[in-house]
N, C-alpha and C. Protein backbone atom coordinates (compact mmCIF):
# COMPACT_ATOMS: atom_id res chain seq x y z
N MET A 1 29.39 103.84 39.05
CA MET A 1 28.96 103.23 40.30
C MET A 1 27.47 103.50 40.47
N LYS A 2 26.71 102.48 40.85
CA LYS A 2 25.30 102.65 41.11
C LYS A 2 25.13 103.42 42.41
N ILE A 3 24.14 104.28 42.45
CA ILE A 3 23.93 105.10 43.64
C ILE A 3 23.68 104.23 44.87
N GLY A 4 22.86 103.20 44.76
CA GLY A 4 22.52 102.36 45.91
C GLY A 4 23.71 101.64 46.52
N THR A 5 24.73 101.34 45.73
CA THR A 5 25.88 100.62 46.26
C THR A 5 26.81 101.53 47.06
N ASP A 6 26.63 102.82 46.93
CA ASP A 6 27.47 103.79 47.61
C ASP A 6 26.87 104.19 48.97
N ILE A 7 25.65 103.75 49.27
CA ILE A 7 24.95 104.18 50.48
C ILE A 7 25.14 103.16 51.60
N LEU A 8 25.57 103.66 52.77
CA LEU A 8 25.79 102.81 53.94
C LEU A 8 24.84 103.22 55.06
N ASN A 9 24.37 102.25 55.83
CA ASN A 9 23.60 102.60 57.02
C ASN A 9 24.59 102.97 58.14
N GLN A 10 24.05 103.32 59.28
CA GLN A 10 24.92 103.79 60.37
C GLN A 10 25.90 102.72 60.83
N ARG A 11 25.42 101.49 60.96
CA ARG A 11 26.28 100.40 61.41
C ARG A 11 27.42 100.17 60.42
N GLN A 12 27.09 100.16 59.14
CA GLN A 12 28.11 99.95 58.10
C GLN A 12 29.11 101.11 58.08
N ALA A 13 28.61 102.33 58.21
CA ALA A 13 29.49 103.51 58.21
C ALA A 13 30.42 103.49 59.41
N ALA A 14 29.89 103.15 60.57
CA ALA A 14 30.72 103.08 61.78
C ALA A 14 31.81 102.03 61.62
N GLN A 15 31.43 100.88 61.09
CA GLN A 15 32.41 99.82 60.88
C GLN A 15 33.48 100.27 59.88
N TYR A 16 33.06 100.92 58.81
CA TYR A 16 33.98 101.40 57.79
C TYR A 16 34.99 102.39 58.37
N LEU A 17 34.52 103.25 59.28
CA LEU A 17 35.38 104.26 59.88
C LEU A 17 36.12 103.76 61.12
N GLY A 18 35.79 102.57 61.58
CA GLY A 18 36.44 102.03 62.76
C GLY A 18 35.99 102.70 64.04
N THR A 19 34.73 103.06 64.11
CA THR A 19 34.18 103.71 65.29
C THR A 19 32.85 103.05 65.63
N THR A 20 32.06 103.68 66.47
CA THR A 20 30.78 103.12 66.87
C THR A 20 29.63 103.97 66.34
N VAL A 21 28.44 103.38 66.31
CA VAL A 21 27.25 104.13 65.92
C VAL A 21 27.02 105.28 66.90
N GLY A 22 27.29 105.04 68.18
CA GLY A 22 27.15 106.10 69.18
C GLY A 22 28.04 107.30 68.90
N THR A 23 29.26 107.04 68.45
CA THR A 23 30.17 108.13 68.11
C THR A 23 29.64 108.89 66.90
N LEU A 24 29.16 108.18 65.89
CA LEU A 24 28.58 108.86 64.72
C LEU A 24 27.40 109.73 65.15
N ASN A 25 26.56 109.21 66.04
CA ASN A 25 25.42 109.99 66.53
C ASN A 25 25.89 111.25 67.25
N SER A 26 26.91 111.11 68.08
CA SER A 26 27.45 112.27 68.80
C SER A 26 27.99 113.31 67.83
N TRP A 27 28.77 112.86 66.85
CA TRP A 27 29.33 113.78 65.87
C TRP A 27 28.21 114.52 65.13
N ARG A 28 27.16 113.78 64.77
CA ARG A 28 26.07 114.38 64.00
C ARG A 28 25.31 115.39 64.85
N HIS A 29 25.00 115.05 66.09
CA HIS A 29 24.21 115.93 66.96
C HIS A 29 25.00 117.16 67.41
N CYS A 30 26.31 117.00 67.58
CA CYS A 30 27.15 118.12 68.03
C CYS A 30 27.72 118.93 66.87
N GLY A 31 27.54 118.43 65.65
CA GLY A 31 28.12 119.11 64.50
C GLY A 31 29.63 118.94 64.45
N LYS A 32 30.13 117.93 65.14
CA LYS A 32 31.56 117.70 65.22
C LYS A 32 32.05 116.91 64.01
N ASN A 33 33.21 117.22 63.52
CA ASN A 33 33.89 116.50 62.45
C ASN A 33 33.27 116.69 61.07
N THR A 34 32.21 117.45 60.95
CA THR A 34 31.59 117.76 59.66
C THR A 34 31.47 116.55 58.74
N LEU A 35 31.07 115.43 59.28
CA LEU A 35 30.88 114.21 58.51
C LEU A 35 29.52 114.29 57.81
N PRO A 36 29.51 114.33 56.46
CA PRO A 36 28.23 114.46 55.73
C PRO A 36 27.35 113.23 55.92
N PHE A 37 26.05 113.46 56.02
CA PHE A 37 25.10 112.35 56.14
C PHE A 37 23.82 112.71 55.39
N ILE A 38 23.01 111.68 55.16
CA ILE A 38 21.73 111.84 54.47
C ILE A 38 20.64 111.42 55.45
N ARG A 39 19.60 112.22 55.54
CA ARG A 39 18.46 111.86 56.38
C ARG A 39 17.30 111.51 55.45
N TRP A 40 16.84 110.25 55.52
CA TRP A 40 15.67 109.79 54.78
C TRP A 40 14.60 109.47 55.81
N GLY A 41 13.71 110.39 56.02
CA GLY A 41 12.71 110.19 57.08
C GLY A 41 13.42 110.13 58.41
N ASN A 42 13.28 109.01 59.11
CA ASN A 42 13.97 108.87 60.40
C ASN A 42 15.24 108.04 60.26
N ARG A 43 15.64 107.76 59.04
CA ARG A 43 16.85 106.96 58.80
C ARG A 43 18.02 107.85 58.45
N ILE A 44 19.19 107.47 58.93
CA ILE A 44 20.43 108.17 58.63
C ILE A 44 21.26 107.27 57.74
N ARG A 45 21.79 107.84 56.66
CA ARG A 45 22.63 107.09 55.73
C ARG A 45 23.86 107.92 55.41
N TYR A 46 24.89 107.24 54.97
CA TYR A 46 26.15 107.87 54.60
C TYR A 46 26.57 107.36 53.23
N ARG A 47 27.09 108.25 52.39
CA ARG A 47 27.66 107.81 51.12
C ARG A 47 29.11 107.44 51.35
N LYS A 48 29.50 106.29 50.85
CA LYS A 48 30.88 105.82 51.01
C LYS A 48 31.86 106.84 50.44
N SER A 49 31.51 107.44 49.32
CA SER A 49 32.39 108.44 48.71
C SER A 49 32.58 109.65 49.64
N ASP A 50 31.54 110.04 50.38
CA ASP A 50 31.68 111.13 51.36
C ASP A 50 32.58 110.72 52.52
N LEU A 51 32.45 109.47 52.95
CA LEU A 51 33.32 108.99 54.04
C LEU A 51 34.77 108.96 53.59
N ASP A 52 35.01 108.51 52.36
CA ASP A 52 36.38 108.50 51.83
C ASP A 52 36.95 109.92 51.76
N ALA A 53 36.15 110.87 51.30
CA ALA A 53 36.60 112.26 51.22
C ALA A 53 36.87 112.82 52.62
N TRP A 54 36.02 112.47 53.58
CA TRP A 54 36.21 112.93 54.95
C TRP A 54 37.52 112.38 55.53
N ILE A 55 37.79 111.10 55.25
CA ILE A 55 39.04 110.49 55.72
C ILE A 55 40.23 111.24 55.14
N GLU A 56 40.18 111.56 53.86
CA GLU A 56 41.28 112.30 53.22
C GLU A 56 41.48 113.67 53.87
N ARG A 57 40.38 114.33 54.26
CA ARG A 57 40.50 115.64 54.91
C ARG A 57 41.10 115.55 56.31
N GLN A 58 41.05 114.36 56.91
CA GLN A 58 41.59 114.18 58.25
C GLN A 58 43.11 114.01 58.25
N LEU A 59 43.69 113.72 57.09
CA LEU A 59 45.14 113.54 57.00
C LEU A 59 45.84 114.84 57.34
N ILE A 60 46.87 114.74 58.12
CA ILE A 60 47.63 115.92 58.53
C ILE A 60 49.04 115.78 58.00
N ASN A 61 49.47 116.79 57.29
CA ASN A 61 50.84 116.82 56.79
C ASN A 61 51.67 117.59 57.80
N LYS A 62 52.47 116.89 58.56
CA LYS A 62 53.25 117.52 59.62
C LYS A 62 54.23 118.55 59.08
N LEU A 63 54.69 118.39 57.84
CA LEU A 63 55.57 119.39 57.26
C LEU A 63 54.87 120.73 57.10
N ASP A 64 53.58 120.68 56.76
CA ASP A 64 52.83 121.92 56.59
C ASP A 64 52.57 122.61 57.91
N GLU A 65 52.38 121.81 58.99
CA GLU A 65 52.00 122.40 60.27
C GLU A 65 53.19 122.90 61.07
N GLY A 66 54.27 122.12 61.12
CA GLY A 66 55.33 122.51 62.04
C GLY A 66 56.69 122.67 61.41
N GLY A 67 56.79 122.41 60.12
CA GLY A 67 58.06 122.59 59.47
C GLY A 67 58.99 121.40 59.57
N GLU A 68 58.62 120.40 60.32
CA GLU A 68 59.47 119.21 60.39
C GLU A 68 58.59 117.97 60.25
N ASN A 69 59.15 116.94 59.70
CA ASN A 69 58.42 115.70 59.50
C ASN A 69 58.50 114.87 60.77
N VAL A 70 57.36 114.53 61.34
CA VAL A 70 57.32 113.78 62.58
C VAL A 70 56.92 112.35 62.29
């Protein structure tokens, strides 16, 4: 995969995650959700592979947490 094709701007990343640019900004400024980002000067970018990995980390296995499948 070419490096440039893996890079998303804030609008693209928000759309990919099903959220808003404002939410991404809040997460970044508050350190919430540990979503990796790249700062190039005053621009914020996200690697699609990092977003995919973050999505995988958000999955919750209910069997592991409570002993029963919900």
